Amino acid sequence: WTDLNQCVEWENVQKTLEFISEHF
């Protein structure tokens, strides 16, 4: 989603947050 080729959706950002929280 960070490439901004389409509108940002919360669900996608939330998956990133989960990834970051899991690994860092």
PDB file of all heavy atoms in Angstrom:
ATOM      1  N   TRP A   1       0.821  -1.213   0.000  1.00  0.00           N
ATOM      2  CA  TRP A   1       0.000   0.000   0.000  1.00  0.00           C
ATOM      3  C   TRP A   1       0.853   1.261   0.000  1.00  0.00           C
ATOM      4  O   TRP A   1       0.401   2.319  -0.429  1.00  0.00           O
ATOM      5  CB  TRP A   1      -0.957   0.013   1.199  1.00  0.00           C
ATOM      6  CG  TRP A   1      -0.249   0.019   2.519  1.00  0.00           C
ATOM      7  CD1 TRP A   1       0.128  -1.069   3.254  1.00  0.00           C
ATOM      8  CD2 TRP A   1       0.169   1.160   3.257  1.00  0.00           C
ATOM      9  NE1 TRP A   1       0.767  -0.678   4.400  1.00  0.00           N
ATOM     10  CE2 TRP A   1       0.803   0.697   4.434  1.00  0.00           C
ATOM     11  CE3 TRP A   1       0.080   2.536   3.058  1.00  0.00           C
ATOM     12  CZ2 TRP A   1       1.347   1.549   5.389  1.00  0.00           C
ATOM     13  CZ3 TRP A   1       0.620   3.390   4.014  1.00  0.00           C
ATOM     14  CH2 TRP A   1       1.236   2.892   5.161  1.00  0.00           C
ATOM     15  N   THR A   2       2.109   1.151   0.468  1.00  0.00           N
ATOM     16  CA  THR A   2       2.961   2.340   0.544  1.00  0.00           C
ATOM     17  C   THR A   2       3.385   2.854  -0.831  1.00  0.00           C
ATOM     18  O   THR A   2       3.907   3.962  -0.924  1.00  0.00           O
ATOM     19  CB  THR A   2       4.219   2.081   1.396  1.00  0.00           C
ATOM     20  OG1 THR A   2       4.981   1.015   0.810  1.00  0.00           O
ATOM     21  CG2 THR A   2       3.856   1.740   2.819  1.00  0.00           C
ATOM     22  N   ASP A   3       3.151   2.063  -1.885  1.00  0.00           N
ATOM     23  CA  ASP A   3       3.497   2.562  -3.216  1.00  0.00           C
ATOM     24  C   ASP A   3       2.452   3.551  -3.747  1.00  0.00           C
ATOM     25  O   ASP A   3       2.661   4.184  -4.762  1.00  0.00           O
ATOM     26  CB  ASP A   3       3.729   1.421  -4.206  1.00  0.00           C
ATOM     27  CG  ASP A   3       2.486   0.592  -4.491  1.00  0.00           C
ATOM     28  OD1 ASP A   3       1.370   0.972  -4.061  1.00  0.00           O
ATOM     29  OD2 ASP A   3       2.623  -0.464  -5.131  1.00  0.00           O
ATOM     30  N   LEU A   4       1.332   3.662  -3.040  1.00  0.00           N
ATOM     31  CA  LEU A   4       0.270   4.622  -3.367  1.00  0.00           C
ATOM     32  C   LEU A   4      -0.204   4.507  -4.818  1.00  0.00           C
ATOM     33  O   LEU A   4      -0.470   5.507  -5.474  1.00  0.00           O
ATOM     34  CB  LEU A   4       0.709   6.050  -3.057  1.00  0.00           C
ATOM     35  CG  LEU A   4       0.934   6.363  -1.578  1.00  0.00           C
ATOM     36  CD1 LEU A   4       1.487   7.764  -1.405  1.00  0.00           C
ATOM     37  CD2 LEU A   4      -0.350   6.207  -0.786  1.00  0.00           C
ATOM     38  N   ASN A   5      -0.315   3.287  -5.308  1.00  0.00           N
ATOM     39  CA  ASN A   5      -0.889   3.072  -6.637  1.00  0.00           C
ATOM     40  C   ASN A   5      -2.406   2.996  -6.581  1.00  0.00           C
ATOM     41  O   ASN A   5      -3.063   2.970  -7.611  1.00  0.00           O
ATOM     42  CB  ASN A   5      -0.332   1.788  -7.272  1.00  0.00           C
ATOM     43  CG  ASN A   5       1.055   2.008  -7.810  1.00  0.00           C
ATOM     44  OD1 ASN A   5       1.399   3.100  -8.232  1.00  0.00           O
ATOM     45  ND2 ASN A   5       1.868   0.978  -7.768  1.00  0.00           N
ATOM     46  N   GLN A   6      -2.932   2.936  -5.389  1.00  0.00           N
ATOM     47  CA  GLN A   6      -4.374   2.975  -5.175  1.00  0.00           C
ATOM     48  C   GLN A   6      -4.625   3.612  -3.808  1.00  0.00           C
ATOM     49  O   GLN A   6      -3.697   3.817  -3.041  1.00  0.00           O
ATOM     50  CB  GLN A   6      -4.970   1.577  -5.243  1.00  0.00           C
ATOM     51  CG  GLN A   6      -4.361   0.582  -4.299  1.00  0.00           C
ATOM     52  CD  GLN A   6      -4.856  -0.821  -4.585  1.00  0.00           C
ATOM     53  OE1 GLN A   6      -5.692  -1.040  -5.438  1.00  0.00           O
ATOM     54  NE2 GLN A   6      -4.337  -1.780  -3.857  1.00  0.00           N
ATOM     55  N   CYS A   7      -5.875   3.922  -3.546  1.00  0.00           N
ATOM     56  CA  CYS A   7      -6.211   4.581  -2.279  1.00  0.00           C
ATOM     57  C   CYS A   7      -5.808   3.694  -1.102  1.00  0.00           C
ATOM     58  O   CYS A   7      -5.943   2.476  -1.144  1.00  0.00           O
ATOM     59  CB  CYS A   7      -7.711   4.875  -2.221  1.00  0.00           C
ATOM     60  SG  CYS A   7      -8.218   6.116  -3.414  1.00  0.00           S
ATOM     61  N   VAL A   8      -5.323   4.334  -0.070  1.00  0.00           N
ATOM     62  CA  VAL A   8      -4.889   3.628   1.134  1.00  0.00           C
ATOM     63  C   VAL A   8      -6.110   3.120   1.889  1.00  0.00           C
ATOM     64  O   VAL A   8      -7.056   3.868   2.124  1.00  0.00           O
ATOM     65  CB  VAL A   8      -4.054   4.564   2.039  1.00  0.00           C
ATOM     66  CG1 VAL A   8      -3.673   3.873   3.326  1.00  0.00           C
ATOM     67  CG2 VAL A   8      -2.820   5.058   1.304  1.00  0.00           C
ATOM     68  N   GLU A   9      -6.069   1.857   2.243  1.00  0.00           N
ATOM     69  CA  GLU A   9      -7.151   1.243   3.011  1.00  0.00           C
ATOM     70  C   GLU A   9      -6.622   0.847   4.379  1.00  0.00           C
ATOM     71  O   GLU A   9      -5.511   0.327   4.495  1.00  0.00           O
ATOM     72  CB  GLU A   9      -7.702   0.008   2.287  1.00  0.00           C
ATOM     73  CG  GLU A   9      -8.322   0.304   0.940  1.00  0.00           C
ATOM     74  CD  GLU A   9      -9.547   1.200   1.030  1.00  0.00           C
ATOM     75  OE1 GLU A   9     -10.252   1.162   2.068  1.00  0.00           O
ATOM     76  OE2 GLU A   9      -9.801   1.946   0.068  1.00  0.00           O
ATOM     77  N   TRP A  10      -7.423   1.077   5.408  1.00  0.00           N
ATOM     78  CA  TRP A  10      -7.018   0.784   6.773  1.00  0.00           C
ATOM     79  C   TRP A  10      -6.627  -0.678   6.959  1.00  0.00           C
ATOM     80  O   TRP A  10      -5.670  -0.983   7.662  1.00  0.00           O
ATOM     81  CB  TRP A  10      -8.113   1.186   7.761  1.00  0.00           C
ATOM     82  CG  TRP A  10      -7.817   0.696   9.144  1.00  0.00           C
ATOM     83  CD1 TRP A  10      -8.514  -0.223   9.857  1.00  0.00           C
ATOM     84  CD2 TRP A  10      -6.713   1.076   9.973  1.00  0.00           C
ATOM     85  NE1 TRP A  10      -7.925  -0.439  11.077  1.00  0.00           N
ATOM     86  CE2 TRP A  10      -6.807   0.353  11.180  1.00  0.00           C
ATOM     87  CE3 TRP A  10      -5.643   1.948   9.828  1.00  0.00           C
ATOM     88  CZ2 TRP A  10      -5.896   0.475  12.218  1.00  0.00           C
ATOM     89  CZ3 TRP A  10      -4.724   2.072  10.856  1.00  0.00           C
ATOM     90  CH2 TRP A  10      -4.857   1.343  12.028  1.00  0.00           C
ATOM     91  N   GLU A  11      -7.336  -1.585   6.317  1.00  0.00           N
ATOM     92  CA  GLU A  11      -7.057  -3.012   6.477  1.00  0.00           C
ATOM     93  C   GLU A  11      -5.621  -3.331   6.075  1.00  0.00           C
ATOM     94  O   GLU A  11      -4.950  -4.133   6.721  1.00  0.00           O
ATOM     95  CB  GLU A  11      -8.031  -3.863   5.639  1.00  0.00           C
ATOM     96  CG  GLU A  11      -9.475  -3.788   6.086  1.00  0.00           C
ATOM     97  CD  GLU A  11     -10.187  -2.506   5.639  1.00  0.00           C
ATOM     98  OE1 GLU A  11      -9.794  -1.898   4.610  1.00  0.00           O
ATOM     99  OE2 GLU A  11     -11.132  -2.101   6.326  1.00  0.00           O
ATOM    100  N   ASN A  12      -5.154  -2.699   5.005  1.00  0.00           N
ATOM    101  CA  ASN A  12      -3.786  -2.932   4.539  1.00  0.00           C
ATOM    102  C   ASN A  12      -2.759  -2.352   5.508  1.00  0.00           C
ATOM    103  O   ASN A  12      -1.735  -2.977   5.786  1.00  0.00           O
ATOM    104  CB  ASN A  12      -3.587  -2.343   3.145  1.00  0.00           C
ATOM    105  CG  ASN A  12      -4.487  -2.998   2.128  1.00  0.00           C
ATOM    106  OD1 ASN A  12      -4.852  -4.163   2.254  1.00  0.00           O
ATOM    107  ND2 ASN A  12      -4.864  -2.249   1.106  1.00  0.00           N
ATOM    108  N   VAL A  13      -3.047  -1.171   6.005  1.00  0.00           N
ATOM    109  CA  VAL A  13      -2.145  -0.549   6.974  1.00  0.00           C
ATOM    110  C   VAL A  13      -2.112  -1.375   8.261  1.00  0.00           C
ATOM    111  O   VAL A  13      -1.059  -1.571   8.856  1.00  0.00           O
ATOM    112  CB  VAL A  13      -2.573   0.908   7.265  1.00  0.00           C
ATOM    113  CG1 VAL A  13      -1.677   1.541   8.319  1.00  0.00           C
ATOM    114  CG2 VAL A  13      -2.575   1.728   5.982  1.00  0.00           C
ATOM    115  N   GLN A  14      -3.250  -1.883   8.633  1.00  0.00           N
ATOM    116  CA  GLN A  14      -3.336  -2.702   9.842  1.00  0.00           C
ATOM    117  C   GLN A  14      -2.494  -3.976   9.711  1.00  0.00           C
ATOM    118  O   GLN A  14      -1.841  -4.392  10.664  1.00  0.00           O
ATOM    119  CB  GLN A  14      -4.796  -3.050  10.125  1.00  0.00           C
ATOM    120  CG  GLN A  14      -5.054  -3.545  11.518  1.00  0.00           C
ATOM    121  CD  GLN A  14      -6.540  -3.664  11.799  1.00  0.00           C
ATOM    122  OE1 GLN A  14      -7.343  -3.893  10.901  1.00  0.00           O
ATOM    123  NE2 GLN A  14      -6.903  -3.517  13.051  1.00  0.00           N
ATOM    124  N   LYS A  15      -2.465  -4.576   8.524  1.00  0.00           N
ATOM    125  CA  LYS A  15      -1.618  -5.752   8.288  1.00  0.00           C
ATOM    126  C   LYS A  15      -0.145  -5.392   8.441  1.00  0.00           C
ATOM    127  O   LYS A  15       0.644  -6.167   8.984  1.00  0.00           O
ATOM    128  CB  LYS A  15      -1.878  -6.330   6.898  1.00  0.00           C
ATOM    129  CG  LYS A  15      -3.213  -7.024   6.775  1.00  0.00           C
ATOM    130  CD  LYS A  15      -3.444  -7.510   5.358  1.00  0.00           C
ATOM    131  CE  LYS A  15      -4.859  -8.046   5.201  1.00  0.00           C
ATOM    132  NZ  LYS A  15      -5.170  -8.381   3.809  1.00  0.00           N
ATOM    133  N   THR A  16       0.211  -4.219   7.975  1.00  0.00           N
ATOM    134  CA  THR A  16       1.598  -3.756   8.138  1.00  0.00           C
ATOM    135  C   THR A  16       1.916  -3.558   9.605  1.00  0.00           C
ATOM    136  O   THR A  16       2.990  -3.950  10.076  1.00  0.00           O
ATOM    137  CB  THR A  16       1.829  -2.442   7.369  1.00  0.00           C
ATOM    138  OG1 THR A  16       1.545  -2.662   5.992  1.00  0.00           O
ATOM    139  CG2 THR A  16       3.244  -1.941   7.536  1.00  0.00           C
ATOM    140  N   LEU A  17       0.989  -2.965  10.337  1.00  0.00           N
ATOM    141  CA  LEU A  17       1.187  -2.768  11.769  1.00  0.00           C
ATOM    142  C   LEU A  17       1.368  -4.103  12.481  1.00  0.00           C
ATOM    143  O   LEU A  17       2.245  -4.245  13.335  1.00  0.00           O
ATOM    144  CB  LEU A  17       0.013  -1.993  12.371  1.00  0.00           C
ATOM    145  CG  LEU A  17       0.070  -1.730  13.869  1.00  0.00           C
ATOM    146  CD1 LEU A  17       1.325  -0.940  14.240  1.00  0.00           C
ATOM    147  CD2 LEU A  17      -1.177  -0.998  14.320  1.00  0.00           C
ATOM    148  N   GLU A  18       0.573  -5.095  12.106  1.00  0.00           N
ATOM    149  CA  GLU A  18       0.710  -6.426  12.701  1.00  0.00           C
ATOM    150  C   GLU A  18       2.073  -7.032  12.368  1.00  0.00           C
ATOM    151  O   GLU A  18       2.719  -7.633  13.222  1.00  0.00           O
ATOM    152  CB  GLU A  18      -0.411  -7.348  12.203  1.00  0.00           C
ATOM    153  CG  GLU A  18      -1.772  -6.979  12.755  1.00  0.00           C
ATOM    154  CD  GLU A  18      -2.921  -7.692  12.055  1.00  0.00           C
ATOM    155  OE1 GLU A  18      -2.652  -8.560  11.173  1.00  0.00           O
ATOM    156  OE2 GLU A  18      -4.082  -7.383  12.365  1.00  0.00           O
ATOM    157  N   PHE A  19       2.520  -6.857  11.122  1.00  0.00           N
ATOM    158  CA  PHE A  19       3.836  -7.362  10.708  1.00  0.00           C
ATOM    159  C   PHE A  19       4.944  -6.701  11.517  1.00  0.00           C
ATOM    160  O   PHE A  19       5.836  -7.375  12.041  1.00  0.00           O
ATOM    161  CB  PHE A  19       4.048  -7.115   9.213  1.00  0.00           C
ATOM    162  CG  PHE A  19       5.408  -7.492   8.723  1.00  0.00           C
ATOM    163  CD1 PHE A  19       5.703  -8.812   8.408  1.00  0.00           C
ATOM    164  CD2 PHE A  19       6.403  -6.539   8.564  1.00  0.00           C
ATOM    165  CE1 PHE A  19       6.965  -9.171   7.951  1.00  0.00           C
ATOM    166  CE2 PHE A  19       7.662  -6.891   8.115  1.00  0.00           C
ATOM    167  CZ  PHE A  19       7.938  -8.205   7.806  1.00  0.00           C
ATOM    168  N   ILE A  20       4.875  -5.384  11.637  1.00  0.00           N
ATOM    169  CA  ILE A  20       5.892  -4.640  12.386  1.00  0.00           C
ATOM    170  C   ILE A  20       5.874  -5.074  13.854  1.00  0.00           C
ATOM    171  O   ILE A  20       6.925  -5.315  14.452  1.00  0.00           O
ATOM    172  CB  ILE A  20       5.640  -3.113  12.286  1.00  0.00           C
ATOM    173  CG1 ILE A  20       5.748  -2.636  10.846  1.00  0.00           C
ATOM    174  CG2 ILE A  20       6.556  -2.331  13.209  1.00  0.00           C
ATOM    175  CD1 ILE A  20       7.134  -2.550  10.291  1.00  0.00           C
ATOM    176  N   SER A  21       4.693  -5.177  14.431  1.00  0.00           N
ATOM    177  CA  SER A  21       4.578  -5.559  15.844  1.00  0.00           C
ATOM    178  C   SER A  21       5.098  -6.969  16.087  1.00  0.00           C
ATOM    179  O   SER A  21       5.693  -7.243  17.123  1.00  0.00           O
ATOM    180  CB  SER A  21       3.126  -5.458  16.301  1.00  0.00           C
ATOM    181  OG  SER A  21       2.672  -4.137  16.200  1.00  0.00           O
ATOM    182  N   GLU A  22       4.880  -7.847  15.124  1.00  0.00           N
ATOM    183  CA  GLU A  22       5.327  -9.241  15.263  1.00  0.00           C
ATOM    184  C   GLU A  22       6.846  -9.366  15.160  1.00  0.00           C
ATOM    185  O   GLU A  22       7.458 -10.118  15.896  1.00  0.00           O
ATOM    186  CB  GLU A  22       4.663 -10.087  14.178  1.00  0.00           C
ATOM    187  CG  GLU A  22       5.022 -11.550  14.223  1.00  0.00           C
ATOM    188  CD  GLU A  22       4.322 -12.326  13.116  1.00  0.00           C
ATOM    189  OE1 GLU A  22       3.145 -12.033  12.833  1.00  0.00           O
ATOM    190  OE2 GLU A  22       4.980 -13.211  12.537  1.00  0.00           O
ATOM    191  N   HIS A  23       7.436  -8.603  14.256  1.00  0.00           N
ATOM    192  CA  HIS A  23       8.867  -8.743  14.000  1.00  0.00           C
ATOM    193  C   HIS A  23       9.732  -7.753  14.769  1.00  0.00           C
ATOM    194  O   HIS A  23      10.933  -7.985  14.927  1.00  0.00           O
ATOM    195  CB  HIS A  23       9.142  -8.609  12.502  1.00  0.00           C
ATOM    196  CG  HIS A  23       8.614  -9.764  11.713  1.00  0.00           C
ATOM    197  ND1 HIS A  23       7.316  -9.823  11.268  1.00  0.00           N
ATOM    198  CD2 HIS A  23       9.199 -10.908  11.321  1.00  0.00           C
ATOM    199  CE1 HIS A  23       7.133 -10.948  10.612  1.00  0.00           C
ATOM    200  NE2 HIS A  23       8.259 -11.634  10.638  1.00  0.00           N
ATOM    201  N   PHE A  24       9.148  -6.664  15.204  1.00  0.00           N
ATOM    202  CA  PHE A  24       9.904  -5.627  15.910  1.00  0.00           C
ATOM    203  C   PHE A  24       9.126  -5.231  17.162  1.00  0.00           C
ATOM    204  O   PHE A  24       8.335  -4.292  17.136  1.00  0.00           O
ATOM    205  CB  PHE A  24      10.131  -4.403  15.013  1.00  0.00           C
ATOM    206  CG  PHE A  24      10.789  -4.747  13.716  1.00  0.00           C
ATOM    207  CD1 PHE A  24      10.040  -4.909  12.559  1.00  0.00           C
ATOM    208  CD2 PHE A  24      12.161  -4.940  13.644  1.00  0.00           C
ATOM    209  CE1 PHE A  24      10.630  -5.244  11.358  1.00  0.00           C
ATOM    210  CE2 PHE A  24      12.760  -5.277  12.444  1.00  0.00           C
ATOM    211  CZ  PHE A  24      11.998  -5.431  11.297  1.00  0.00           C
TER     212      PHE A  24
END
